[in-house]
N, C-alpha and C. Protein backbone atom coordinates (compact mmCIF):
# COMPACT_ATOMS: atom_id res chain seq x y z
N MET A 1 2.23 17.96 -6.44
CA MET A 1 2.67 19.19 -7.10
C MET A 1 2.67 19.45 -8.51
N LEU A 2 2.94 20.80 -8.88
CA LEU A 2 2.47 21.52 -10.19
C LEU A 2 3.70 21.11 -11.26
N VAL A 3 3.71 19.96 -12.26
CA VAL A 3 4.71 20.21 -13.16
C VAL A 3 4.30 20.37 -14.55
N THR A 4 5.18 21.02 -15.22
CA THR A 4 4.80 21.39 -16.82
C THR A 4 6.12 21.03 -17.61
N GLY A 5 5.83 20.49 -18.54
CA GLY A 5 6.81 20.03 -19.58
C GLY A 5 5.83 19.70 -21.15
N THR A 6 7.02 19.20 -22.13
CA THR A 6 6.08 18.63 -23.31
C THR A 6 6.87 17.38 -23.41
N LEU A 7 5.53 16.96 -24.53
CA LEU A 7 5.83 15.52 -24.71
C LEU A 7 6.74 15.22 -26.12
N ASP A 8 7.04 14.26 -26.38
CA ASP A 8 7.91 14.04 -27.51
C ASP A 8 7.64 14.59 -28.91
N ASP A 9 6.21 14.98 -29.43
CA ASP A 9 5.43 15.19 -30.53
C ASP A 9 6.05 17.10 -30.26
N GLY A 10 5.81 17.86 -29.31
CA GLY A 10 6.03 19.05 -28.91
C GLY A 10 5.01 19.59 -28.58
N SER A 11 4.09 18.89 -27.90
CA SER A 11 2.66 19.44 -27.36
C SER A 11 3.01 19.57 -25.86
N ALA A 12 2.56 20.85 -25.11
CA ALA A 12 2.93 21.37 -24.04
C ALA A 12 1.90 20.56 -23.19
N TYR A 13 2.08 20.55 -21.82
CA TYR A 13 1.63 19.93 -20.62
C TYR A 13 1.60 20.33 -19.11
N GLN A 14 0.39 20.57 -18.86
CA GLN A 14 0.57 21.02 -17.22
C GLN A 14 -0.21 20.29 -16.29
N VAL A 15 0.55 19.53 -15.26
CA VAL A 15 -0.40 18.43 -14.69
C VAL A 15 -0.48 18.70 -12.90
N GLU A 16 -1.31 18.69 -12.17
CA GLU A 16 -1.36 18.24 -11.15
C GLU A 16 -1.23 17.19 -10.29
N ILE A 17 -0.20 16.49 -9.94
CA ILE A 17 0.51 15.08 -8.95
C ILE A 17 -0.12 15.33 -7.93
N THR A 18 -2.03 14.78 -7.89
CA THR A 18 -2.38 15.03 -6.54
C THR A 18 -2.07 14.05 -5.17
N GLY A 19 -1.36 12.70 -5.96
CA GLY A 19 -1.30 11.60 -5.17
C GLY A 19 -2.30 10.90 -4.72
N ARG A 20 -3.71 11.41 -5.08
CA ARG A 20 -4.83 10.66 -4.64
C ARG A 20 -5.16 9.46 -5.60
N GLU A 21 -5.91 8.30 -5.03
CA GLU A 21 -6.14 7.82 -5.71
C GLU A 21 -7.26 6.81 -6.94
N ASP A 22 -8.43 8.06 -6.71
CA ASP A 22 -9.22 8.42 -7.95
C ASP A 22 -8.56 9.12 -8.53
N ARG A 23 -7.48 9.76 -8.76
CA ARG A 23 -7.08 10.80 -9.40
C ARG A 23 -6.18 11.60 -9.26
N PRO A 24 -5.12 10.79 -9.68
CA PRO A 24 -3.51 10.78 -9.07
C PRO A 24 -2.49 12.14 -9.77
N VAL A 25 -3.27 12.22 -11.22
CA VAL A 25 -3.02 12.98 -12.32
C VAL A 25 -4.10 13.81 -12.51
N VAL A 26 -4.30 15.14 -12.61
CA VAL A 26 -4.99 16.02 -13.23
C VAL A 26 -4.60 17.07 -14.15
N GLY A 27 -5.12 17.09 -15.57
CA GLY A 27 -4.60 18.28 -16.37
C GLY A 27 -4.53 18.00 -17.80
N SER A 28 -4.24 16.60 -17.86
CA SER A 28 -3.70 16.29 -19.43
C SER A 28 -3.67 15.07 -19.15
N ARG A 29 -5.21 14.09 -20.30
CA ARG A 29 -5.72 13.05 -20.90
C ARG A 29 -3.85 12.11 -21.27
N ARG A 30 -3.43 12.80 -21.88
CA ARG A 30 -2.27 11.90 -22.56
C ARG A 30 -1.10 11.61 -20.91
N ILE A 31 -0.74 12.46 -19.95
CA ILE A 31 -0.37 12.20 -19.19
C ILE A 31 -0.82 11.11 -18.23
N ARG A 32 -2.29 11.44 -18.20
CA ARG A 32 -2.98 10.62 -16.66
C ARG A 32 -3.07 8.91 -17.92
N ALA A 33 -2.87 9.13 -19.13
CA ALA A 33 -3.32 8.00 -19.75
C ALA A 33 -1.71 7.31 -19.56
N LEU A 34 -0.56 7.63 -19.99
CA LEU A 34 1.04 7.57 -19.77
C LEU A 34 0.74 6.60 -18.31
N VAL A 35 0.82 7.12 -17.31
CA VAL A 35 0.56 6.83 -15.51
C VAL A 35 -0.05 5.88 -15.54
N GLU A 36 -1.18 5.73 -16.02
CA GLU A 36 -2.10 4.40 -16.06
C GLU A 36 -1.49 2.93 -16.98
N GLN A 37 -0.97 3.70 -17.63
CA GLN A 37 -0.16 2.21 -19.06
C GLN A 37 0.76 1.87 -18.34
N ARG A 38 1.72 2.53 -17.57
CA ARG A 38 2.79 2.10 -16.66
C ARG A 38 3.20 2.14 -15.50
N ALA A 39 1.60 2.24 -15.04
CA ALA A 39 1.74 1.08 -13.69
C ALA A 39 2.27 0.25 -13.02
N GLY A 40 2.91 0.00 -12.28
CA GLY A 40 3.31 -1.34 -11.70
C GLY A 40 5.22 -1.53 -12.46
N GLN A 41 5.23 -0.37 -13.12
CA GLN A 41 6.74 -0.78 -13.80
C GLN A 41 7.12 -0.14 -13.22
N PRO A 42 8.58 -1.10 -13.07
CA PRO A 42 9.75 0.08 -12.72
C PRO A 42 10.24 1.63 -13.23
N VAL A 43 10.66 2.44 -12.56
CA VAL A 43 11.14 3.91 -12.83
C VAL A 43 12.47 4.14 -12.45
N LEU A 44 13.25 4.43 -12.42
CA LEU A 44 14.57 5.07 -11.79
C LEU A 44 14.03 6.60 -11.42
N LEU A 45 14.17 6.63 -9.75
CA LEU A 45 14.12 8.34 -9.23
C LEU A 45 14.97 9.29 -9.27
N GLY A 46 16.04 8.79 -10.18
CA GLY A 46 17.35 9.63 -10.28
C GLY A 46 17.78 9.10 -11.41
N PRO A 47 19.26 10.03 -12.33
CA PRO A 47 19.68 9.36 -13.16
C PRO A 47 20.23 7.91 -13.45
N LEU A 48 21.20 7.59 -12.06
CA LEU A 48 21.09 6.17 -11.50
C LEU A 48 20.43 5.73 -10.70
N GLY A 49 19.36 5.67 -10.24
CA GLY A 49 18.24 5.25 -9.21
C GLY A 49 18.54 5.59 -8.01
N PRO A 50 17.56 5.18 -6.94
CA PRO A 50 17.53 4.34 -7.44
C PRO A 50 16.17 3.45 -7.78
N ARG A 51 15.79 2.87 -8.11
CA ARG A 51 14.66 1.74 -8.93
C ARG A 51 13.17 1.68 -8.12
N ARG A 52 12.58 2.29 -8.26
CA ARG A 52 10.71 1.95 -7.61
C ARG A 52 10.09 1.72 -8.34
N ASP A 53 8.93 0.56 -8.11
CA ASP A 53 7.73 0.70 -9.36
C ASP A 53 6.97 1.68 -8.86
N LEU A 54 6.06 2.16 -10.63
CA LEU A 54 5.16 3.13 -10.90
C LEU A 54 4.14 2.83 -9.62
N VAL A 55 3.75 3.44 -8.97
CA VAL A 55 2.68 3.75 -7.99
C VAL A 55 1.97 5.03 -8.52
N ALA A 56 0.90 5.29 -8.93
CA ALA A 56 0.05 6.12 -9.32
C ALA A 56 -0.06 7.11 -8.09
N THR A 57 -0.13 6.59 -6.85
CA THR A 57 -0.34 7.53 -6.01
C THR A 57 0.80 7.97 -5.22
N ASP A 58 1.95 7.75 -5.85
CA ASP A 58 3.13 8.08 -5.21
C ASP A 58 3.81 8.97 -5.60
N PRO A 59 3.23 10.57 -5.71
CA PRO A 59 3.96 11.94 -6.96
C PRO A 59 5.48 11.30 -6.64
N GLU A 60 6.30 10.73 -6.09
CA GLU A 60 7.93 11.04 -6.48
C GLU A 60 8.05 10.50 -7.79
N THR A 61 7.35 8.93 -7.61
CA THR A 61 7.39 8.33 -8.66
C THR A 61 6.62 8.79 -10.14
N VAL A 62 5.62 9.11 -10.03
CA VAL A 62 5.13 10.02 -10.86
C VAL A 62 5.80 11.09 -11.53
N LEU A 63 6.20 11.63 -10.82
CA LEU A 63 7.42 12.68 -10.89
C LEU A 63 8.40 11.84 -11.87
N ALA A 64 9.15 10.85 -11.44
CA ALA A 64 10.37 10.21 -12.22
C ALA A 64 9.50 10.12 -13.80
N LEU A 65 8.93 9.45 -13.28
CA LEU A 65 7.99 8.75 -14.79
C LEU A 65 8.29 10.13 -16.13
N LEU A 66 7.57 11.16 -15.36
CA LEU A 66 7.39 12.14 -16.62
C LEU A 66 8.82 12.73 -16.71
N ARG A 67 9.61 12.47 -15.78
CA ARG A 67 11.09 12.86 -16.25
C ARG A 67 11.92 11.90 -16.94
N GLN A 68 11.60 10.51 -17.10
CA GLN A 68 12.18 9.95 -18.05
C GLN A 68 11.08 9.77 -19.49
N HIS A 69 10.14 10.28 -19.61
CA HIS A 69 9.41 9.94 -20.81
C HIS A 69 9.04 11.09 -21.74
N THR A 70 9.04 12.59 -20.78
CA THR A 70 8.33 13.85 -21.35
C THR A 70 10.38 14.90 -20.92
N VAL A 71 10.39 16.33 -21.44
CA VAL A 71 10.96 17.01 -21.28
C VAL A 71 10.28 17.36 -20.13
N VAL A 72 10.27 17.48 -18.92
CA VAL A 72 10.20 18.32 -17.66
C VAL A 72 10.48 20.18 -17.47
N VAL A 73 9.85 20.78 -17.45
CA VAL A 73 10.38 22.55 -17.63
C VAL A 73 10.35 23.14 -16.24
N GLU A 74 9.03 22.76 -15.39
CA GLU A 74 8.59 23.36 -14.16
C GLU A 74 8.60 22.48 -13.07
N VAL A 75 8.70 22.35 -12.23
CA VAL A 75 7.89 21.48 -10.68
C VAL A 75 7.60 22.53 -9.18
N ARG A 76 6.99 23.05 -9.47
CA ARG A 76 6.92 23.47 -8.21
C ARG A 76 5.49 23.41 -7.74
N PRO A 77 5.38 23.68 -5.80
CA PRO A 77 4.36 23.29 -5.07
C PRO A 77 3.27 23.05 -5.91
N SER A 78 1.82 22.68 -5.35
CA SER A 78 0.42 22.76 -5.75
C SER A 78 -0.12 24.17 -4.94
N ALA A 79 -0.82 24.77 -5.10
CA ALA A 79 -1.56 26.19 -4.60
C ALA A 79 -1.94 25.46 -2.89
N GLY A 80 -2.30 24.44 -3.29
CA GLY A 80 -2.99 23.61 -1.90
C GLY A 80 -1.87 23.79 -0.65
N GLY A 81 -0.79 23.49 -1.22
CA GLY A 81 0.52 23.11 -0.17
C GLY A 81 0.16 22.23 0.44
N GLY A 82 1.79 21.86 0.69
CA GLY A 82 1.16 20.15 1.78
C GLY A 82 2.31 19.11 0.81
N GLU A 83 1.99 19.38 -0.36
CA GLU A 83 2.91 18.50 -1.34
C GLU A 83 4.39 18.69 -1.41
N THR A 84 5.41 17.67 -1.64
CA THR A 84 6.41 18.23 -2.54
C THR A 84 7.03 18.24 -3.40
């Protein structure tokens, strides 16, 4: 899935959440570092839960992390399709 948003300092980002083990996030070094730094920590999948540990290969938990730590403006399927 493709995610567009802004960081706390106002910098825009666009990343592809691939779900791949070797490169779970492509497009922004800062977002990739955030995902690597928070791996294994709990994230809320929605405003009130449920809570799951962040797994870099799980697009649902990576998107939840981005929603908690950045302003997500747009989420859309990848050009390759197949991912939600």
